[in-house]
Amino acid sequence: MIHDSGVYYPIEIKSSVTVSSKKLTGLEAFKKNVKNSAMASVISMTPEPYVMEGQVINHSIWDI
């Protein structure tokens, strides 16, 4: 979780290369229940970053 200027940015870290949307129920629930939440992020072993469903970005650990 990152909190900046009153906005919450939820983050999940996954150990797999591919992450299905079914594995993001925690992020989706957080975004639904917290008013000041922004786009969520997943950090995984994916080789390239990409946008997932529900305004979630999957970032590559290799780019951090």
C-alpha atoms as a PDB file:
ATOM      1  CA  MET A   1       0.000   0.000   0.000  1.00  0.00           C
ATOM      2  CA  ILE A   2       1.217   3.443  -0.898  1.00  0.00           C
ATOM      3  CA  HIS A   3      -0.501   6.491   0.603  1.00  0.00           C
ATOM      4  CA  ASP A   4       0.199   9.866  -0.974  1.00  0.00           C
ATOM      5  CA  SER A   5      -1.723  13.122  -0.591  1.00  0.00           C
ATOM      6  CA  GLY A   6      -4.801  11.365   0.771  1.00  0.00           C
ATOM      7  CA  VAL A   7      -4.937   8.748  -2.006  1.00  0.00           C
ATOM      8  CA  TYR A   8      -4.346   5.017  -1.476  1.00  0.00           C
ATOM      9  CA  TYR A   9      -2.567   2.950  -4.136  1.00  0.00           C
ATOM     10  CA  PRO A  10      -3.068  -0.758  -3.393  1.00  0.00           C
ATOM     11  CA  ILE A  11      -0.300  -3.141  -4.460  1.00  0.00           C
ATOM     12  CA  GLU A  12      -0.047  -6.928  -4.531  1.00  0.00           C
ATOM     13  CA  ILE A  13       3.104  -8.937  -5.148  1.00  0.00           C
ATOM     14  CA  LYS A  14       2.759 -12.263  -6.964  1.00  0.00           C
ATOM     15  CA  SER A  15       5.456 -14.862  -7.587  1.00  0.00           C
ATOM     16  CA  SER A  16       4.101 -16.103 -10.914  1.00  0.00           C
ATOM     17  CA  VAL A  17       4.709 -14.922 -14.483  1.00  0.00           C
ATOM     18  CA  THR A  18       1.007 -14.819 -15.345  1.00  0.00           C
ATOM     19  CA  VAL A  19      -1.623 -13.471 -12.975  1.00  0.00           C
ATOM     20  CA  SER A  20      -5.295 -14.134 -13.632  1.00  0.00           C
ATOM     21  CA  SER A  21      -7.948 -11.602 -12.725  1.00  0.00           C
ATOM     22  CA  LYS A  22      -9.448 -14.197 -10.363  1.00  0.00           C
ATOM     23  CA  LYS A  23      -6.377 -13.745  -8.137  1.00  0.00           C
ATOM     24  CA  LEU A  24      -7.099 -10.026  -7.672  1.00  0.00           C
ATOM     25  CA  THR A  25     -10.190 -10.210  -5.497  1.00  0.00           C
ATOM     26  CA  GLY A  26      -8.404  -8.446  -2.630  1.00  0.00           C
ATOM     27  CA  LEU A  27      -7.426  -5.494  -4.804  1.00  0.00           C
ATOM     28  CA  GLU A  28     -10.895  -5.221  -6.294  1.00  0.00           C
ATOM     29  CA  ALA A  29     -12.553  -5.349  -2.861  1.00  0.00           C
ATOM     30  CA  PHE A  30     -10.199  -2.674  -1.557  1.00  0.00           C
ATOM     31  CA  LYS A  31     -10.885  -0.354  -4.500  1.00  0.00           C
ATOM     32  CA  LYS A  32     -14.618  -0.891  -4.125  1.00  0.00           C
ATOM     33  CA  ASN A  33     -14.667  -0.124  -0.389  1.00  0.00           C
ATOM     34  CA  VAL A  34     -12.091   2.666  -0.078  1.00  0.00           C
ATOM     35  CA  LYS A  35     -13.199   5.961  -1.576  1.00  0.00           C
ATOM     36  CA  ASN A  36      -9.761   7.511  -1.985  1.00  0.00           C
ATOM     37  CA  SER A  37      -8.172   4.621  -3.870  1.00  0.00           C
ATOM     38  CA  ALA A  38      -6.446   4.969  -7.218  1.00  0.00           C
ATOM     39  CA  MET A  39      -5.281   2.501  -9.836  1.00  0.00           C
ATOM     40  CA  ALA A  40      -4.020  -0.724  -8.290  1.00  0.00           C
ATOM     41  CA  SER A  41      -0.765  -2.453  -9.146  1.00  0.00           C
ATOM     42  CA  VAL A  42       0.511  -6.001  -9.232  1.00  0.00           C
ATOM     43  CA  ILE A  43       4.219  -6.729  -9.199  1.00  0.00           C
ATOM     44  CA  SER A  44       5.007 -10.103 -10.745  1.00  0.00           C
ATOM     45  CA  MET A  45       7.568 -12.060 -12.737  1.00  0.00           C
ATOM     46  CA  THR A  46       5.975 -10.998 -16.031  1.00  0.00           C
ATOM     47  CA  PRO A  47       8.576  -9.989 -18.636  1.00  0.00           C
ATOM     48  CA  GLU A  48       6.595  -6.910 -19.772  1.00  0.00           C
ATOM     49  CA  PRO A  49       4.105  -4.673 -17.926  1.00  0.00           C
ATOM     50  CA  TYR A  50       0.478  -4.703 -19.078  1.00  0.00           C
ATOM     51  CA  VAL A  51      -2.945  -3.406 -18.057  1.00  0.00           C
ATOM     52  CA  MET A  52      -5.313  -5.939 -16.541  1.00  0.00           C
ATOM     53  CA  GLU A  53      -9.067  -5.754 -15.896  1.00  0.00           C
ATOM     54  CA  GLY A  54     -10.511  -3.188 -13.514  1.00  0.00           C
ATOM     55  CA  GLN A  55      -7.751  -0.591 -13.759  1.00  0.00           C
ATOM     56  CA  VAL A  56      -4.959  -2.822 -12.506  1.00  0.00           C
ATOM     57  CA  ILE A  57      -1.454  -2.611 -13.949  1.00  0.00           C
ATOM     58  CA  ASN A  58       0.790  -5.666 -13.819  1.00  0.00           C
ATOM     59  CA  HIS A  59       4.376  -4.425 -13.438  1.00  0.00           C
ATOM     60  CA  SER A  60       7.455  -6.531 -14.075  1.00  0.00           C
ATOM     61  CA  ILE A  61       9.734  -7.045 -11.087  1.00  0.00           C
ATOM     62  CA  TRP A  62      12.601  -6.853 -13.581  1.00  0.00           C
ATOM     63  CA  ASP A  63      11.773  -3.184 -14.339  1.00  0.00           C
ATOM     64  CA  ILE A  64      11.868  -2.043 -10.724  1.00  0.00           C
END
